[in-house]
Amino acid sequence: RLLAESDLNLVRGEDSFVRAQWAGQAL
């Protein structure tokens, strides 16, 4: 939910990286 609500997600590794892609926001 937090990823989808944010304008930009700075993420790492594999799992948070994939979750950020599903969220559909800039990363």
PDB file of all heavy atoms in Angstrom:
ATOM      1  N   ARG A   1       0.830  -1.200   0.000  1.00  0.00           N
ATOM      2  CA  ARG A   1       0.000   0.000   0.000  1.00  0.00           C
ATOM      3  C   ARG A   1       0.872   1.261   0.000  1.00  0.00           C
ATOM      4  O   ARG A   1       0.590   2.221  -0.736  1.00  0.00           O
ATOM      5  CB  ARG A   1      -0.932   0.000   1.217  1.00  0.00           C
ATOM      6  CG  ARG A   1      -1.894   1.181   1.265  1.00  0.00           C
ATOM      7  CD  ARG A   1      -2.916   1.009   2.375  1.00  0.00           C
ATOM      8  NE  ARG A   1      -3.750  -0.147   2.133  1.00  0.00           N
ATOM      9  CZ  ARG A   1      -4.811  -0.166   1.318  1.00  0.00           C
ATOM     10  NH1 ARG A   1      -5.132   0.933   0.641  1.00  0.00           N
ATOM     11  NH2 ARG A   1      -5.522  -1.251   1.160  1.00  0.00           N
ATOM     12  N   LEU A   2       1.929   1.265   0.800  1.00  0.00           N
ATOM     13  CA  LEU A   2       2.813   2.422   0.870  1.00  0.00           C
ATOM     14  C   LEU A   2       3.485   2.671  -0.483  1.00  0.00           C
ATOM     15  O   LEU A   2       3.582   3.817  -0.946  1.00  0.00           O
ATOM     16  CB  LEU A   2       3.873   2.216   1.948  1.00  0.00           C
ATOM     17  CG  LEU A   2       4.901   3.343   2.116  1.00  0.00           C
ATOM     18  CD1 LEU A   2       4.213   4.641   2.550  1.00  0.00           C
ATOM     19  CD2 LEU A   2       5.970   2.948   3.135  1.00  0.00           C
ATOM     20  N   LEU A   3       3.954   1.604  -1.130  1.00  0.00           N
ATOM     21  CA  LEU A   3       4.586   1.745  -2.443  1.00  0.00           C
ATOM     22  C   LEU A   3       3.620   2.354  -3.451  1.00  0.00           C
ATOM     23  O   LEU A   3       3.985   3.228  -4.244  1.00  0.00           O
ATOM     24  CB  LEU A   3       5.063   0.382  -2.949  1.00  0.00           C
ATOM     25  CG  LEU A   3       6.244  -0.267  -2.222  1.00  0.00           C
ATOM     26  CD1 LEU A   3       6.485  -1.671  -2.770  1.00  0.00           C
ATOM     27  CD2 LEU A   3       7.508   0.569  -2.335  1.00  0.00           C
ATOM     28  N   ALA A   4       2.370   1.883  -3.429  1.00  0.00           N
ATOM     29  CA  ALA A   4       1.380   2.357  -4.394  1.00  0.00           C
ATOM     30  C   ALA A   4       0.950   3.788  -4.126  1.00  0.00           C
ATOM     31  O   ALA A   4       0.523   4.493  -5.039  1.00  0.00           O
ATOM     32  CB  ALA A   4       0.165   1.437  -4.375  1.00  0.00           C
ATOM     33  N   GLU A   5       1.087   4.249  -2.892  1.00  0.00           N
ATOM     34  CA  GLU A   5       0.691   5.606  -2.529  1.00  0.00           C
ATOM     35  C   GLU A   5       1.796   6.629  -2.765  1.00  0.00           C
ATOM     36  O   GLU A   5       1.552   7.833  -2.701  1.00  0.00           O
ATOM     37  CB  GLU A   5       0.302   5.650  -1.044  1.00  0.00           C
ATOM     38  CG  GLU A   5      -0.970   4.894  -0.706  1.00  0.00           C
ATOM     39  CD  GLU A   5      -1.223   4.835   0.787  1.00  0.00           C
ATOM     40  OE1 GLU A   5      -0.334   5.234   1.569  1.00  0.00           O
ATOM     41  OE2 GLU A   5      -2.306   4.377   1.174  1.00  0.00           O
ATOM     42  N   SER A   6       3.014   6.162  -3.017  1.00  0.00           N
ATOM     43  CA  SER A   6       4.165   7.063  -3.100  1.00  0.00           C
ATOM     44  C   SER A   6       4.471   7.453  -4.542  1.00  0.00           C
ATOM     45  O   SER A   6       4.179   6.719  -5.485  1.00  0.00           O
ATOM     46  CB  SER A   6       5.390   6.408  -2.459  1.00  0.00           C
ATOM     47  OG  SER A   6       5.135   6.134  -1.082  1.00  0.00           O
ATOM     48  N   ASP A   7       5.092   8.620  -4.702  1.00  0.00           N
ATOM     49  CA  ASP A   7       5.437   9.134  -6.028  1.00  0.00           C
ATOM     50  C   ASP A   7       6.739   8.554  -6.550  1.00  0.00           C
ATOM     51  O   ASP A   7       6.966   8.499  -7.762  1.00  0.00           O
ATOM     52  CB  ASP A   7       5.558  10.659  -5.973  1.00  0.00           C
ATOM     53  CG  ASP A   7       4.274  11.304  -5.483  1.00  0.00           C
ATOM     54  OD1 ASP A   7       3.314  11.351  -6.265  1.00  0.00           O
ATOM     55  OD2 ASP A   7       4.235  11.731  -4.315  1.00  0.00           O
ATOM     56  N   LEU A   8       7.603   8.131  -5.628  1.00  0.00           N
ATOM     57  CA  LEU A   8       8.895   7.557  -6.000  1.00  0.00           C
ATOM     58  C   LEU A   8       9.293   6.547  -4.949  1.00  0.00           C
ATOM     59  O   LEU A   8       9.226   6.830  -3.750  1.00  0.00           O
ATOM     60  CB  LEU A   8       9.961   8.654  -6.105  1.00  0.00           C
ATOM     61  CG  LEU A   8      11.417   8.193  -6.254  1.00  0.00           C
ATOM     62  CD1 LEU A   8      11.611   7.398  -7.547  1.00  0.00           C
ATOM     63  CD2 LEU A   8      12.374   9.392  -6.212  1.00  0.00           C
ATOM     64  N   ASN A   9       9.716   5.356  -5.399  1.00  0.00           N
ATOM     65  CA  ASN A   9      10.166   4.315  -4.486  1.00  0.00           C
ATOM     66  C   ASN A   9      11.611   3.943  -4.801  1.00  0.00           C
ATOM     67  O   ASN A   9      11.910   3.492  -5.918  1.00  0.00           O
ATOM     68  CB  ASN A   9       9.266   3.083  -4.597  1.00  0.00           C
ATOM     69  CG  ASN A   9       7.840   3.374  -4.162  1.00  0.00           C
ATOM     70  OD1 ASN A   9       7.607   3.802  -3.034  1.00  0.00           O
ATOM     71  ND2 ASN A   9       6.887   3.175  -5.060  1.00  0.00           N
ATOM     72  N   LEU A  10      12.483   4.178  -3.841  1.00  0.00           N
ATOM     73  CA  LEU A  10      13.884   3.771  -3.941  1.00  0.00           C
ATOM     74  C   LEU A  10      13.987   2.417  -3.253  1.00  0.00           C
ATOM     75  O   LEU A  10      13.895   2.338  -2.025  1.00  0.00           O
ATOM     76  CB  LEU A  10      14.787   4.803  -3.267  1.00  0.00           C
ATOM     77  CG  LEU A  10      14.609   6.261  -3.741  1.00  0.00           C
ATOM     78  CD1 LEU A  10      15.439   7.208  -2.895  1.00  0.00           C
ATOM     79  CD2 LEU A  10      14.970   6.401  -5.215  1.00  0.00           C
ATOM     80  N   VAL A  11      14.169   1.363  -4.041  1.00  0.00           N
ATOM     81  CA  VAL A  11      14.080   0.003  -3.512  1.00  0.00           C
ATOM     82  C   VAL A  11      15.371  -0.760  -3.785  1.00  0.00           C
ATOM     83  O   VAL A  11      16.216  -0.334  -4.571  1.00  0.00           O
ATOM     84  CB  VAL A  11      12.886  -0.747  -4.132  1.00  0.00           C
ATOM     85  CG1 VAL A  11      11.575  -0.131  -3.668  1.00  0.00           C
ATOM     86  CG2 VAL A  11      12.957  -0.726  -5.662  1.00  0.00           C
ATOM     87  N   ARG A  12      15.480  -1.930  -3.149  1.00  0.00           N
ATOM     88  CA  ARG A  12      16.712  -2.694  -3.262  1.00  0.00           C
ATOM     89  C   ARG A  12      16.409  -4.180  -3.494  1.00  0.00           C
ATOM     90  O   ARG A  12      15.271  -4.631  -3.361  1.00  0.00           O
ATOM     91  CB  ARG A  12      17.538  -2.548  -1.994  1.00  0.00           C
ATOM     92  CG  ARG A  12      17.036  -3.394  -0.818  1.00  0.00           C
ATOM     93  CD  ARG A  12      17.892  -3.201   0.416  1.00  0.00           C
ATOM     94  NE  ARG A  12      17.660  -4.271   1.396  1.00  0.00           N
ATOM     95  CZ  ARG A  12      18.163  -4.261   2.617  1.00  0.00           C
ATOM     96  NH1 ARG A  12      18.904  -3.242   3.038  1.00  0.00           N
ATOM     97  NH2 ARG A  12      17.931  -5.269   3.448  1.00  0.00           N
ATOM     98  N   GLY A  13      17.477  -4.937  -3.796  1.00  0.00           N
ATOM     99  CA  GLY A  13      17.392  -6.392  -3.831  1.00  0.00           C
ATOM    100  C   GLY A  13      16.447  -6.926  -4.889  1.00  0.00           C
ATOM    101  O   GLY A  13      16.407  -6.445  -6.019  1.00  0.00           O
ATOM    102  N   GLU A  14      15.672  -7.951  -4.524  1.00  0.00           N
ATOM    103  CA  GLU A  14      14.738  -8.574  -5.456  1.00  0.00           C
ATOM    104  C   GLU A  14      13.283  -8.380  -5.048  1.00  0.00           C
ATOM    105  O   GLU A  14      12.462  -7.965  -5.862  1.00  0.00           O
ATOM    106  CB  GLU A  14      15.045 -10.071  -5.594  1.00  0.00           C
ATOM    107  CG  GLU A  14      16.363 -10.375  -6.292  1.00  0.00           C
ATOM    108  CD  GLU A  14      16.555 -11.859  -6.566  1.00  0.00           C
ATOM    109  OE1 GLU A  14      15.611 -12.640  -6.335  1.00  0.00           O
ATOM    110  OE2 GLU A  14      17.649 -12.247  -7.004  1.00  0.00           O
ATOM    111  N   ASP A  15      12.960  -8.683  -3.809  1.00  0.00           N
ATOM    112  CA  ASP A  15      11.548  -8.682  -3.417  1.00  0.00           C
ATOM    113  C   ASP A  15      10.937  -7.290  -3.471  1.00  0.00           C
ATOM    114  O   ASP A  15       9.901  -7.074  -4.104  1.00  0.00           O
ATOM    115  CB  ASP A  15      11.384  -9.289  -2.017  1.00  0.00           C
ATOM    116  CG  ASP A  15       9.925  -9.529  -1.674  1.00  0.00           C
ATOM    117  OD1 ASP A  15       9.193 -10.042  -2.549  1.00  0.00           O
ATOM    118  OD2 ASP A  15       9.506  -9.202  -0.563  1.00  0.00           O
ATOM    119  N   SER A  16      11.554  -6.305  -2.796  1.00  0.00           N
ATOM    120  CA  SER A  16      10.994  -4.953  -2.820  1.00  0.00           C
ATOM    121  C   SER A  16      11.041  -4.369  -4.230  1.00  0.00           C
ATOM    122  O   SER A  16      10.177  -3.581  -4.616  1.00  0.00           O
ATOM    123  CB  SER A  16      11.749  -4.041  -1.838  1.00  0.00           C
ATOM    124  OG  SER A  16      13.124  -3.961  -2.166  1.00  0.00           O
ATOM    125  N   PHE A  17      12.022  -4.792  -5.013  1.00  0.00           N
ATOM    126  CA  PHE A  17      12.143  -4.378  -6.412  1.00  0.00           C
ATOM    127  C   PHE A  17      10.924  -4.845  -7.223  1.00  0.00           C
ATOM    128  O   PHE A  17      10.322  -4.081  -7.987  1.00  0.00           O
ATOM    129  CB  PHE A  17      13.443  -4.963  -6.966  1.00  0.00           C
ATOM    130  CG  PHE A  17      13.621  -4.887  -8.449  1.00  0.00           C
ATOM    131  CD1 PHE A  17      13.465  -3.692  -9.137  1.00  0.00           C
ATOM    132  CD2 PHE A  17      13.981  -6.026  -9.171  1.00  0.00           C
ATOM    133  CE1 PHE A  17      13.657  -3.635 -10.520  1.00  0.00           C
ATOM    134  CE2 PHE A  17      14.172  -5.963 -10.537  1.00  0.00           C
ATOM    135  CZ  PHE A  17      14.005  -4.770 -11.209  1.00  0.00           C
ATOM    136  N   VAL A  18      10.530  -6.100  -7.026  1.00  0.00           N
ATOM    137  CA  VAL A  18       9.362  -6.629  -7.733  1.00  0.00           C
ATOM    138  C   VAL A  18       8.085  -5.974  -7.230  1.00  0.00           C
ATOM    139  O   VAL A  18       7.210  -5.596  -8.015  1.00  0.00           O
ATOM    140  CB  VAL A  18       9.291  -8.160  -7.579  1.00  0.00           C
ATOM    141  CG1 VAL A  18       7.968  -8.702  -8.118  1.00  0.00           C
ATOM    142  CG2 VAL A  18      10.457  -8.830  -8.306  1.00  0.00           C
ATOM    143  N   ARG A  19       7.971  -5.789  -5.916  1.00  0.00           N
ATOM    144  CA  ARG A  19       6.756  -5.163  -5.365  1.00  0.00           C
ATOM    145  C   ARG A  19       6.587  -3.749  -5.913  1.00  0.00           C
ATOM    146  O   ARG A  19       5.472  -3.308  -6.188  1.00  0.00           O
ATOM    147  CB  ARG A  19       6.812  -5.111  -3.838  1.00  0.00           C
ATOM    148  CG  ARG A  19       7.074  -6.411  -3.115  1.00  0.00           C
ATOM    149  CD  ARG A  19       6.293  -7.562  -3.633  1.00  0.00           C
ATOM    150  NE  ARG A  19       4.871  -7.480  -3.332  1.00  0.00           N
ATOM    151  CZ  ARG A  19       3.970  -8.372  -3.745  1.00  0.00           C
ATOM    152  NH1 ARG A  19       4.353  -9.387  -4.494  1.00  0.00           N
ATOM    153  NH2 ARG A  19       2.696  -8.233  -3.454  1.00  0.00           N
ATOM    154  N   ALA A  20       7.689  -3.030  -6.066  1.00  0.00           N
ATOM    155  CA  ALA A  20       7.618  -1.663  -6.580  1.00  0.00           C
ATOM    156  C   ALA A  20       7.154  -1.642  -8.036  1.00  0.00           C
ATOM    157  O   ALA A  20       6.459  -0.709  -8.456  1.00  0.00           O
ATOM    158  CB  ALA A  20       8.975  -0.984  -6.444  1.00  0.00           C
ATOM    159  N   GLN A  21       7.515  -2.655  -8.804  1.00  0.00           N
ATOM    160  CA  GLN A  21       7.048  -2.714 -10.189  1.00  0.00           C
ATOM    161  C   GLN A  21       5.542  -2.970 -10.251  1.00  0.00           C
ATOM    162  O   GLN A  21       4.836  -2.395 -11.081  1.00  0.00           O
ATOM    163  CB  GLN A  21       7.815  -3.791 -10.953  1.00  0.00           C
ATOM    164  CG  GLN A  21       9.267  -3.398 -11.195  1.00  0.00           C
ATOM    165  CD  GLN A  21      10.062  -4.508 -11.827  1.00  0.00           C
ATOM    166  OE1 GLN A  21       9.993  -4.753 -13.027  1.00  0.00           O
ATOM    167  NE2 GLN A  21      10.850  -5.200 -11.010  1.00  0.00           N
ATOM    168  N   TRP A  22       5.034  -3.813  -9.364  1.00  0.00           N
ATOM    169  CA  TRP A  22       3.586  -4.048  -9.328  1.00  0.00           C
ATOM    170  C   TRP A  22       2.840  -2.808  -8.859  1.00  0.00           C
ATOM    171  O   TRP A  22       1.687  -2.591  -9.237  1.00  0.00           O
ATOM    172  CB  TRP A  22       3.258  -5.220  -8.408  1.00  0.00           C
ATOM    173  CG  TRP A  22       3.717  -6.565  -8.887  1.00  0.00           C
ATOM    174  CD1 TRP A  22       4.365  -7.508  -8.137  1.00  0.00           C
ATOM    175  CD2 TRP A  22       3.557  -7.147 -10.183  1.00  0.00           C
ATOM    176  NE1 TRP A  22       4.629  -8.623  -8.894  1.00  0.00           N
ATOM    177  CE2 TRP A  22       4.133  -8.427 -10.163  1.00  0.00           C
ATOM    178  CE3 TRP A  22       2.991  -6.697 -11.378  1.00  0.00           C
ATOM    179  CZ2 TRP A  22       4.155  -9.272 -11.267  1.00  0.00           C
ATOM    180  CZ3 TRP A  22       3.011  -7.530 -12.496  1.00  0.00           C
ATOM    181  CH2 TRP A  22       3.580  -8.788 -12.436  1.00  0.00           C
ATOM    182  N   ALA A  23       3.464  -1.985  -8.036  1.00  0.00           N
ATOM    183  CA  ALA A  23       2.787  -0.795  -7.509  1.00  0.00           C
ATOM    184  C   ALA A  23       2.513   0.238  -8.592  1.00  0.00           C
ATOM    185  O   ALA A  23       1.620   1.074  -8.453  1.00  0.00           O
ATOM    186  CB  ALA A  23       3.617  -0.171  -6.385  1.00  0.00           C
ATOM    187  N   GLY A  24       3.295   0.234  -9.663  1.00  0.00           N
ATOM    188  CA  GLY A  24       3.030   1.123 -10.788  1.00  0.00           C
ATOM    189  C   GLY A  24       3.446   2.566 -10.592  1.00  0.00           C
ATOM    190  O   GLY A  24       2.945   3.453 -11.274  1.00  0.00           O
ATOM    191  N   GLN A  25       4.381   2.809  -9.673  1.00  0.00           N
ATOM    192  CA  GLN A  25       4.879   4.165  -9.461  1.00  0.00           C
ATOM    193  C   GLN A  25       6.332   4.264  -9.939  1.00  0.00           C
ATOM    194  O   GLN A  25       6.954   3.253 -10.255  1.00  0.00           O
ATOM    195  CB  GLN A  25       4.790   4.539  -7.974  1.00  0.00           C
ATOM    196  CG  GLN A  25       3.400   4.459  -7.386  1.00  0.00           C
ATOM    197  CD  GLN A  25       2.469   5.548  -7.911  1.00  0.00           C
ATOM    198  OE1 GLN A  25       2.856   6.377  -8.737  1.00  0.00           O
ATOM    199  NE2 GLN A  25       1.223   5.544  -7.452  1.00  0.00           N
ATOM    200  N   ALA A  26       6.857   5.491  -9.979  1.00  0.00           N
ATOM    201  CA  ALA A  26       8.256   5.680 -10.367  1.00  0.00           C
ATOM    202  C   ALA A  26       9.167   4.964  -9.362  1.00  0.00           C
ATOM    203  O   ALA A  26       8.876   4.939  -8.161  1.00  0.00           O
ATOM    204  CB  ALA A  26       8.589   7.171 -10.414  1.00  0.00           C
ATOM    205  N   LEU A  27      10.258   4.392  -9.866  1.00  0.00           N
ATOM    206  CA  LEU A  27      11.179   3.689  -8.974  1.00  0.00           C
ATOM    207  C   LEU A  27      12.607   3.790  -9.475  1.00  0.00           C
ATOM    208  O   LEU A  27      12.857   3.957 -10.670  1.00  0.00           O
ATOM    209  CB  LEU A  27      10.774   2.217  -8.812  1.00  0.00           C
ATOM    210  CG  LEU A  27      10.995   1.256  -9.996  1.00  0.00           C
ATOM    211  CD1 LEU A  27      12.376   0.614  -9.952  1.00  0.00           C
ATOM    212  CD2 LEU A  27       9.946   0.166 -10.015  1.00  0.00           C
TER     213      LEU A  27
END
